[in-house]
Every structure is written in structure tokens, then in C-alpha cells.
Amino acid sequence: MGNKEPKLTIEERLTALEERVANIKVRDRGPKSERSMTDDDAARVKFGDLKDMSHKEAAAELGLSYGQIYSARGGYTFNHIKDPAKKQA
């Protein structure tokens, strides 16, 4: 029904697909984790000297992954670490 593209062989389709996959750009989220995050790390990234850094920069500084920083700052992990500047009720 109006499809005027030439039929490709399976090998040609596979080659074309492999080329497309090879050219896919993956987001660079920074380094892979070298260790587990500690409570002290969490406090630094949430409220300390690393709080104004991007997730990627803080991860590189501490040898942690982007995801570890993201999770701590988002309260998904280390939610027991509270801001010492805020008065606890």
C-alpha cells in the first residue's frame, strides 16, 4: 500500500541496527561508586561543604556514584540524617 522502500535482507537490517546502536549517546552521570556511602558523606552532601555542588561533582569528590548522591539528597536513603541547623522538635 504505497510502501516504496526496497526490501532489505536480514543481514542489511542487522548491520543498520548495529550502526544505530553504536551511535547512541549515553548520559554521563559521573563516576561509578568506589565504596559505600557513610553517614558523614550523607551529611556533607545534604548540609555540609558539598551541598551546593552538582550531584556529579559531589560524586566525583567522594568517589561515590551519581545515584548515591541523588538518593541521599532526595531523602530516599540516609533520611535519618537531619540538618543540624534546624531545631529538632
C-alpha atoms as a PDB file:
ATOM      1  CA  MET A   1       0.000   0.000   0.000  1.00  0.00           C
ATOM      2  CA  GLY A   2       2.344   2.713  -1.113  1.00  0.00           C
ATOM      3  CA  ASN A   3       5.474   1.409   0.633  1.00  0.00           C
ATOM      4  CA  LYS A   4       8.153   2.116  -1.956  1.00  0.00           C
ATOM      5  CA  GLU A   5      11.188   1.365   0.198  1.00  0.00           C
ATOM      6  CA  PRO A   6      13.270  -1.525  -1.093  1.00  0.00           C
ATOM      7  CA  LYS A   7      13.185  -4.750   0.897  1.00  0.00           C
ATOM      8  CA  LEU A   8      16.336  -5.253   2.932  1.00  0.00           C
ATOM      9  CA  THR A   9      17.877  -8.561   3.777  1.00  0.00           C
ATOM     10  CA  ILE A  10      18.124  -9.596   7.382  1.00  0.00           C
ATOM     11  CA  GLU A  11      21.879  -9.017   7.261  1.00  0.00           C
ATOM     12  CA  GLU A  12      21.398  -5.474   5.927  1.00  0.00           C
ATOM     13  CA  ARG A  13      18.808  -4.722   8.587  1.00  0.00           C
ATOM     14  CA  LEU A  14      21.081  -6.128  11.293  1.00  0.00           C
ATOM     15  CA  THR A  15      24.031  -4.052  10.078  1.00  0.00           C
ATOM     16  CA  ALA A  16      21.900  -0.903  10.009  1.00  0.00           C
ATOM     17  CA  LEU A  17      20.593  -1.616  13.522  1.00  0.00           C
ATOM     18  CA  GLU A  18      24.096  -2.266  14.874  1.00  0.00           C
ATOM     19  CA  GLU A  19      25.279   1.063  13.441  1.00  0.00           C
ATOM     20  CA  ARG A  20      22.379   2.893  15.088  1.00  0.00           C
ATOM     21  CA  VAL A  21      23.045   1.234  18.447  1.00  0.00           C
ATOM     22  CA  ALA A  22      26.754   2.062  18.243  1.00  0.00           C
ATOM     23  CA  ASN A  23      25.900   5.753  17.800  1.00  0.00           C
ATOM     24  CA  ILE A  24      23.521   6.022  20.756  1.00  0.00           C
ATOM     25  CA  LYS A  25      24.716   8.647  23.210  1.00  0.00           C
ATOM     26  CA  VAL A  26      24.518   7.633  26.858  1.00  0.00           C
ATOM     27  CA  ARG A  27      24.264  10.236  29.593  1.00  0.00           C
ATOM     28  CA  ASP A  28      27.439  10.605  31.568  1.00  0.00           C
ATOM     29  CA  ARG A  29      26.339  10.509  35.183  1.00  0.00           C
ATOM     30  CA  GLY A  30      29.843  10.661  36.521  1.00  0.00           C
ATOM     31  CA  PRO A  31      32.000   8.044  38.154  1.00  0.00           C
ATOM     32  CA  LYS A  32      30.936   4.603  39.300  1.00  0.00           C
ATOM     33  CA  SER A  33      30.896   4.050  43.021  1.00  0.00           C
ATOM     34  CA  GLU A  34      34.168   3.018  44.593  1.00  0.00           C
ATOM     35  CA  ARG A  35      32.638   2.400  48.026  1.00  0.00           C
ATOM     36  CA  SER A  36      29.501   2.627  50.157  1.00  0.00           C
ATOM     37  CA  MET A  37      28.227   6.000  51.322  1.00  0.00           C
ATOM     38  CA  THR A  38      28.638   6.741  55.029  1.00  0.00           C
ATOM     39  CA  ASP A  39      26.557   8.913  57.345  1.00  0.00           C
ATOM     40  CA  ASP A  40      29.334  11.520  57.242  1.00  0.00           C
ATOM     41  CA  ASP A  41      29.220  11.543  53.419  1.00  0.00           C
ATOM     42  CA  ALA A  42      25.444  11.980  53.500  1.00  0.00           C
ATOM     43  CA  ALA A  43      25.704  14.886  55.931  1.00  0.00           C
ATOM     44  CA  ARG A  44      28.312  16.590  53.741  1.00  0.00           C
ATOM     45  CA  VAL A  45      26.254  16.305  50.541  1.00  0.00           C
ATOM     46  CA  LYS A  46      22.971  17.258  52.195  1.00  0.00           C
ATOM     47  CA  PHE A  47      24.028  20.057  54.549  1.00  0.00           C
ATOM     48  CA  GLY A  48      27.805  20.482  54.524  1.00  0.00           C
ATOM     49  CA  ASP A  49      30.566  21.679  52.253  1.00  0.00           C
ATOM     50  CA  LEU A  50      29.276  19.700  49.235  1.00  0.00           C
ATOM     51  CA  LYS A  51      25.623  20.800  49.394  1.00  0.00           C
ATOM     52  CA  ASP A  52      25.985  23.405  46.632  1.00  0.00           C
ATOM     53  CA  MET A  53      27.868  21.099  44.244  1.00  0.00           C
ATOM     54  CA  SER A  54      26.062  19.242  41.494  1.00  0.00           C
ATOM     55  CA  HIS A  55      25.348  15.560  42.092  1.00  0.00           C
ATOM     56  CA  LYS A  56      28.029  14.675  39.558  1.00  0.00           C
ATOM     57  CA  GLU A  57      30.683  16.916  41.140  1.00  0.00           C
ATOM     58  CA  ALA A  58      29.926  15.711  44.676  1.00  0.00           C
ATOM     59  CA  ALA A  59      30.078  12.096  43.491  1.00  0.00           C
ATOM     60  CA  ALA A  60      33.496  12.638  41.919  1.00  0.00           C
ATOM     61  CA  GLU A  61      34.767  14.388  45.066  1.00  0.00           C
ATOM     62  CA  LEU A  62      33.743  11.496  47.329  1.00  0.00           C
ATOM     63  CA  GLY A  63      34.345   8.557  44.997  1.00  0.00           C
ATOM     64  CA  LEU A  64      30.639   7.754  45.003  1.00  0.00           C
ATOM     65  CA  SER A  65      28.107   7.385  42.202  1.00  0.00           C
ATOM     66  CA  TYR A  66      25.649   9.977  40.933  1.00  0.00           C
ATOM     67  CA  GLY A  67      22.817   7.731  42.131  1.00  0.00           C
ATOM     68  CA  GLN A  68      24.137   7.574  45.685  1.00  0.00           C
ATOM     69  CA  ILE A  69      24.244  11.377  45.905  1.00  0.00           C
ATOM     70  CA  TYR A  70      20.824  11.721  44.261  1.00  0.00           C
ATOM     71  CA  SER A  71      19.265   9.201  46.645  1.00  0.00           C
ATOM     72  CA  ALA A  72      20.723  10.802  49.767  1.00  0.00           C
ATOM     73  CA  ARG A  73      19.723  14.326  48.766  1.00  0.00           C
ATOM     74  CA  GLY A  74      16.256  13.186  47.738  1.00  0.00           C
ATOM     75  CA  GLY A  75      15.642  11.501  51.082  1.00  0.00           C
ATOM     76  CA  TYR A  76      15.435   8.002  49.606  1.00  0.00           C
ATOM     77  CA  THR A  77      18.413   6.913  51.659  1.00  0.00           C
ATOM     78  CA  PHE A  78      20.024   8.377  54.767  1.00  0.00           C
ATOM     79  CA  ASN A  79      16.758  10.060  55.765  1.00  0.00           C
ATOM     80  CA  HIS A  80      17.842   9.677  59.392  1.00  0.00           C
ATOM     81  CA  ILE A  81      20.495  12.361  58.740  1.00  0.00           C
ATOM     82  CA  LYS A  82      18.871  15.633  59.785  1.00  0.00           C
ATOM     83  CA  ASP A  83      20.006  19.223  59.268  1.00  0.00           C
ATOM     84  CA  PRO A  84      21.831  20.211  62.465  1.00  0.00           C
ATOM     85  CA  ALA A  85      20.998  23.887  61.840  1.00  0.00           C
ATOM     86  CA  LYS A  86      17.263  23.176  62.196  1.00  0.00           C
ATOM     87  CA  LYS A  87      15.878  22.826  65.665  1.00  0.00           C
ATOM     88  CA  GLN A  88      14.592  19.308  66.293  1.00  0.00           C
ATOM     89  CA  ALA A  89      11.131  19.110  67.853  1.00  0.00           C
END
